[in-house]
Amino acid sequence: SLIERSHGVAAWQASLLPRSPAVVAAVLVAWGKFLGMMPQVPPLLSSFEGQRVAVSAAGASGGGPAVPITMESLLEMLHETTGQSVDPDAPLMEAGLDSLGAVE
């Protein structure tokens, strides 16, 4: 879902202040789930600790059992993305995988 208009306006106004950061981002975070995946809540986020909900790594992605990723399945995904065979010991940029391709 989108952020509320008031939050967007507040972020925009903050970006216009003198000495404001060069980059401003607004990100929706489900703090309970996010912190539930961590073994400990970092001190910086301690004010959100009350929202922490225990979440397994598999549960965070929508449920179902976790499926292990093998080297073969990873190489197959890379082949589908880059359109060529990928040497597992070669740098991914050499194989034609840039940040845009990684998002795919």
N, C-alpha and C. Protein backbone atom coordinates (compact mmCIF):
# COMPACT_ATOMS: atom_id res chain seq x y z
N SER A 1 0.83 -1.18 0.00
CA SER A 1 0.00 0.00 0.00
C SER A 1 0.88 1.24 0.00
N LEU A 2 0.29 2.33 -0.36
CA LEU A 2 1.02 3.59 -0.41
C LEU A 2 1.07 4.23 0.97
N ILE A 3 1.99 5.17 1.14
CA ILE A 3 2.03 5.90 2.40
C ILE A 3 0.88 6.90 2.43
N GLU A 4 0.55 7.32 3.63
CA GLU A 4 -0.52 8.31 3.75
C GLU A 4 -0.02 9.66 3.23
N ARG A 5 -0.95 10.45 2.75
CA ARG A 5 -0.60 11.75 2.18
C ARG A 5 0.18 12.61 3.20
N SER A 6 -0.27 12.59 4.46
CA SER A 6 0.40 13.42 5.47
C SER A 6 1.85 13.00 5.67
N HIS A 7 2.13 11.68 5.57
CA HIS A 7 3.51 11.22 5.70
C HIS A 7 4.34 11.65 4.50
N GLY A 8 3.75 11.58 3.32
CA GLY A 8 4.46 12.02 2.12
C GLY A 8 4.77 13.50 2.16
N VAL A 9 3.80 14.30 2.61
CA VAL A 9 4.01 15.75 2.71
C VAL A 9 5.10 16.04 3.74
N ALA A 10 5.09 15.31 4.86
CA ALA A 10 6.11 15.52 5.90
C ALA A 10 7.50 15.19 5.37
N ALA A 11 7.63 14.10 4.60
CA ALA A 11 8.92 13.74 4.02
C ALA A 11 9.37 14.79 3.01
N TRP A 12 8.45 15.26 2.19
CA TRP A 12 8.78 16.30 1.20
C TRP A 12 9.23 17.58 1.90
N GLN A 13 8.50 17.99 2.95
CA GLN A 13 8.87 19.20 3.68
C GLN A 13 10.23 19.05 4.35
N ALA A 14 10.51 17.86 4.87
CA ALA A 14 11.82 17.62 5.50
C ALA A 14 12.94 17.75 4.48
N SER A 15 12.68 17.37 3.22
CA SER A 15 13.71 17.45 2.19
C SER A 15 14.01 18.89 1.79
N LEU A 16 13.12 19.80 2.11
CA LEU A 16 13.31 21.21 1.73
C LEU A 16 13.99 22.03 2.82
N LEU A 17 14.20 21.45 3.99
CA LEU A 17 14.81 22.18 5.09
C LEU A 17 16.28 22.48 4.78
N PRO A 18 16.79 23.61 5.32
CA PRO A 18 18.22 23.88 5.14
C PRO A 18 19.04 22.76 5.75
N ARG A 19 20.12 22.41 5.11
CA ARG A 19 21.03 21.36 5.55
C ARG A 19 20.35 19.99 5.66
N SER A 20 19.31 19.79 4.88
CA SER A 20 18.67 18.47 4.88
C SER A 20 19.53 17.51 4.06
N PRO A 21 19.38 16.21 4.28
CA PRO A 21 20.17 15.25 3.49
C PRO A 21 19.89 15.40 2.00
N ALA A 22 20.85 15.00 1.20
CA ALA A 22 20.70 15.09 -0.26
C ALA A 22 19.67 14.10 -0.77
N VAL A 23 19.45 13.02 -0.04
CA VAL A 23 18.51 11.99 -0.45
C VAL A 23 17.54 11.73 0.69
N VAL A 24 16.26 11.71 0.37
CA VAL A 24 15.23 11.40 1.36
C VAL A 24 14.42 10.24 0.82
N ALA A 25 14.14 9.27 1.67
CA ALA A 25 13.35 8.11 1.25
C ALA A 25 12.27 7.84 2.28
N ALA A 26 11.13 7.41 1.80
CA ALA A 26 10.03 6.99 2.67
C ALA A 26 9.79 5.52 2.40
N VAL A 27 9.92 4.71 3.43
CA VAL A 27 9.79 3.26 3.28
C VAL A 27 8.79 2.74 4.29
N LEU A 28 7.84 1.95 3.82
CA LEU A 28 6.90 1.30 4.72
C LEU A 28 7.56 0.05 5.29
N VAL A 29 7.59 -0.06 6.60
CA VAL A 29 8.22 -1.21 7.25
C VAL A 29 7.24 -1.83 8.22
N ALA A 30 7.06 -3.12 8.13
CA ALA A 30 6.28 -3.86 9.13
C ALA A 30 7.27 -4.22 10.23
N TRP A 31 7.43 -3.30 11.18
CA TRP A 31 8.48 -3.44 12.20
C TRP A 31 8.36 -4.75 12.97
N GLY A 32 7.14 -5.18 13.25
CA GLY A 32 6.97 -6.43 13.99
C GLY A 32 7.59 -7.61 13.26
N LYS A 33 7.30 -7.74 11.97
CA LYS A 33 7.86 -8.83 11.17
C LYS A 33 9.36 -8.65 10.97
N PHE A 34 9.76 -7.44 10.64
CA PHE A 34 11.18 -7.16 10.39
C PHE A 34 12.03 -7.52 11.60
N LEU A 35 11.61 -7.05 12.76
CA LEU A 35 12.38 -7.32 13.97
C LEU A 35 12.25 -8.77 14.42
N GLY A 36 11.12 -9.41 14.08
CA GLY A 36 10.93 -10.80 14.45
C GLY A 36 11.89 -11.74 13.75
N MET A 37 12.45 -11.33 12.63
CA MET A 37 13.42 -12.16 11.90
C MET A 37 14.83 -12.01 12.46
N MET A 38 15.02 -11.06 13.38
CA MET A 38 16.35 -10.83 13.94
C MET A 38 16.50 -11.57 15.26
N PRO A 39 17.70 -12.10 15.52
CA PRO A 39 17.90 -12.78 16.80
C PRO A 39 17.81 -11.80 17.98
N GLN A 40 18.23 -10.57 17.77
CA GLN A 40 18.16 -9.51 18.78
C GLN A 40 17.76 -8.21 18.11
N VAL A 41 17.07 -7.36 18.85
CA VAL A 41 16.71 -6.04 18.33
C VAL A 41 17.91 -5.12 18.52
N PRO A 42 18.40 -4.50 17.45
CA PRO A 42 19.53 -3.59 17.57
C PRO A 42 19.15 -2.39 18.44
N PRO A 43 20.10 -1.84 19.20
CA PRO A 43 19.80 -0.70 20.07
C PRO A 43 19.15 0.46 19.33
N LEU A 44 19.54 0.70 18.08
CA LEU A 44 18.97 1.79 17.30
C LEU A 44 17.45 1.63 17.13
N LEU A 45 16.97 0.40 17.08
CA LEU A 45 15.55 0.11 16.85
C LEU A 45 14.82 -0.32 18.12
N SER A 46 15.42 -0.10 19.27
CA SER A 46 14.84 -0.58 20.53
C SER A 46 13.46 0.03 20.81
N SER A 47 13.16 1.20 20.29
CA SER A 47 11.85 1.79 20.54
C SER A 47 10.73 1.02 19.84
N PHE A 48 11.07 0.16 18.89
CA PHE A 48 10.08 -0.67 18.17
C PHE A 48 9.99 -2.08 18.74
N GLU A 49 10.76 -2.38 19.78
CA GLU A 49 10.83 -3.75 20.29
C GLU A 49 9.47 -4.30 20.72
N GLY A 50 8.59 -3.46 21.21
CA GLY A 50 7.27 -3.90 21.63
C GLY A 50 6.42 -4.42 20.49
N GLN A 51 6.77 -4.08 19.26
CA GLN A 51 6.01 -4.52 18.09
C GLN A 51 6.54 -5.83 17.53
N ARG A 52 7.62 -6.34 18.12
CA ARG A 52 8.29 -7.53 17.59
C ARG A 52 7.36 -8.74 17.64
N VAL A 53 7.30 -9.46 16.51
CA VAL A 53 6.50 -10.67 16.37
C VAL A 53 7.44 -11.75 15.88
N ALA A 54 7.44 -12.90 16.54
CA ALA A 54 8.31 -13.99 16.12
C ALA A 54 7.86 -14.48 14.75
N VAL A 55 8.78 -14.46 13.81
CA VAL A 55 8.50 -14.89 12.43
C VAL A 55 9.64 -15.78 11.99
N SER A 56 9.30 -16.93 11.45
CA SER A 56 10.35 -17.78 10.89
C SER A 56 10.74 -17.23 9.53
N ALA A 57 11.90 -17.60 9.05
CA ALA A 57 12.34 -17.12 7.73
C ALA A 57 11.37 -17.57 6.65
N ALA A 58 10.84 -18.80 6.76
CA ALA A 58 9.89 -19.29 5.77
C ALA A 58 8.57 -18.55 5.89
N GLY A 59 8.15 -18.24 7.12
CA GLY A 59 6.88 -17.54 7.33
C GLY A 59 6.93 -16.12 6.82
N ALA A 60 8.09 -15.53 6.78
CA ALA A 60 8.20 -14.15 6.32
C ALA A 60 7.90 -14.02 4.84
N SER A 61 8.11 -15.10 4.10
CA SER A 61 7.92 -15.01 2.65
C SER A 61 6.53 -15.44 2.21
N GLY A 62 5.66 -15.75 3.14
CA GLY A 62 4.30 -16.10 2.76
C GLY A 62 3.90 -17.51 3.10
N GLY A 63 4.77 -18.25 3.74
CA GLY A 63 4.39 -19.57 4.22
C GLY A 63 4.98 -20.68 3.40
N GLY A 64 4.70 -21.88 3.83
CA GLY A 64 5.22 -23.06 3.17
C GLY A 64 6.60 -23.39 3.68
N PRO A 65 7.01 -24.63 3.45
CA PRO A 65 8.33 -25.04 3.92
C PRO A 65 9.43 -24.35 3.14
N ALA A 66 10.54 -24.14 3.82
CA ALA A 66 11.70 -23.52 3.18
C ALA A 66 12.30 -24.51 2.18
N VAL A 67 12.68 -24.03 1.03
CA VAL A 67 13.29 -24.86 -0.01
C VAL A 67 14.77 -24.50 -0.09
N PRO A 68 15.64 -25.49 0.11
CA PRO A 68 17.07 -25.17 0.04
C PRO A 68 17.47 -24.78 -1.38
N ILE A 69 18.41 -23.88 -1.48
CA ILE A 69 18.91 -23.46 -2.79
C ILE A 69 20.23 -24.18 -3.03
N THR A 70 20.27 -24.98 -4.07
CA THR A 70 21.48 -25.71 -4.42
C THR A 70 22.28 -24.90 -5.44
N MET A 71 23.53 -25.29 -5.61
CA MET A 71 24.37 -24.63 -6.60
C MET A 71 23.77 -24.82 -8.00
N GLU A 72 23.22 -26.01 -8.24
CA GLU A 72 22.63 -26.29 -9.55
C GLU A 72 21.43 -25.38 -9.82
N SER A 73 20.56 -25.22 -8.81
CA SER A 73 19.38 -24.36 -9.02
C SER A 73 19.79 -22.90 -9.17
N LEU A 74 20.82 -22.49 -8.45
CA LEU A 74 21.31 -21.11 -8.57
C LEU A 74 21.88 -20.88 -9.96
N LEU A 75 22.68 -21.84 -10.46
CA LEU A 75 23.25 -21.70 -11.80
C LEU A 75 22.16 -21.71 -12.86
N GLU A 76 21.09 -22.48 -12.64
CA GLU A 76 19.97 -22.49 -13.58
C GLU A 76 19.27 -21.13 -13.60
N MET A 77 19.06 -20.53 -12.42
CA MET A 77 18.44 -19.19 -12.36
C MET A 77 19.31 -18.16 -13.07
N LEU A 78 20.62 -18.26 -12.87
CA LEU A 78 21.54 -17.33 -13.54
C LEU A 78 21.50 -17.53 -15.05
N HIS A 79 21.41 -18.77 -15.51
CA HIS A 79 21.33 -19.05 -16.94
C HIS A 79 20.07 -18.44 -17.53
N GLU A 80 18.94 -18.58 -16.81
CA GLU A 80 17.68 -18.00 -17.29
C GLU A 80 17.74 -16.48 -17.34
N THR A 81 18.46 -15.89 -16.39
CA THR A 81 18.53 -14.43 -16.33
C THR A 81 19.50 -13.85 -17.35
N THR A 82 20.68 -14.49 -17.48
CA THR A 82 21.70 -13.94 -18.37
C THR A 82 21.62 -14.49 -19.79
N GLY A 83 20.96 -15.66 -19.96
CA GLY A 83 20.87 -16.26 -21.29
C GLY A 83 22.10 -17.04 -21.69
N GLN A 84 23.00 -17.27 -20.74
CA GLN A 84 24.20 -18.04 -21.04
C GLN A 84 24.62 -18.85 -19.82
N SER A 85 25.47 -19.85 -20.05
CA SER A 85 25.99 -20.63 -18.93
C SER A 85 26.92 -19.75 -18.11
N VAL A 86 26.88 -19.95 -16.80
CA VAL A 86 27.67 -19.12 -15.89
C VAL A 86 28.65 -19.99 -15.14
N ASP A 87 29.92 -19.60 -15.16
CA ASP A 87 30.96 -20.29 -14.39
C ASP A 87 30.76 -19.92 -12.92
N PRO A 88 30.60 -20.91 -12.04
CA PRO A 88 30.34 -20.59 -10.63
C PRO A 88 31.49 -19.86 -9.95
N ASP A 89 32.68 -19.92 -10.52
CA ASP A 89 33.83 -19.24 -9.92
C ASP A 89 34.11 -17.88 -10.54
N ALA A 90 33.35 -17.50 -11.57
CA ALA A 90 33.58 -16.22 -12.25
C ALA A 90 32.74 -15.13 -11.57
N PRO A 91 33.23 -13.89 -11.61
CA PRO A 91 32.42 -12.78 -11.09
C PRO A 91 31.12 -12.65 -11.88
N LEU A 92 30.04 -12.33 -11.19
CA LEU A 92 28.74 -12.26 -11.84
C LEU A 92 28.68 -11.17 -12.90
N MET A 93 29.38 -10.07 -12.70
CA MET A 93 29.39 -9.01 -13.72
C MET A 93 30.00 -9.54 -15.02
N GLU A 94 31.02 -10.40 -14.90
CA GLU A 94 31.63 -10.99 -16.09
C GLU A 94 30.65 -11.86 -16.85
N ALA A 95 29.72 -12.48 -16.11
CA ALA A 95 28.73 -13.36 -16.72
C ALA A 95 27.56 -12.58 -17.30
N GLY A 96 27.59 -11.26 -17.16
CA GLY A 96 26.53 -10.43 -17.73
C GLY A 96 25.41 -10.10 -16.77
N LEU A 97 25.61 -10.37 -15.48
CA LEU A 97 24.57 -10.07 -14.49
C LEU A 97 24.89 -8.74 -13.83
N ASP A 98 24.11 -7.72 -14.16
CA ASP A 98 24.27 -6.42 -13.50
C ASP A 98 23.18 -6.28 -12.45
N SER A 99 23.12 -5.13 -11.80
CA SER A 99 22.12 -4.94 -10.73
C SER A 99 20.70 -5.02 -11.26
N LEU A 100 20.46 -4.58 -12.49
CA LEU A 100 19.11 -4.67 -13.06
C LEU A 100 18.72 -6.12 -13.30
N GLY A 101 19.65 -6.90 -13.82
CA GLY A 101 19.38 -8.32 -14.03
C GLY A 101 19.16 -9.07 -12.74
N ALA A 102 19.87 -8.67 -11.68
CA ALA A 102 19.71 -9.31 -10.38
C ALA A 102 18.30 -9.10 -9.83
N VAL A 103 17.69 -7.96 -10.14
CA VAL A 103 16.34 -7.67 -9.67
C VAL A 103 15.34 -8.59 -10.33
N GLU A 104 15.59 -8.97 -11.58
CA GLU A 104 14.70 -9.89 -12.30
C GLU A 104 14.57 -11.17 -11.53
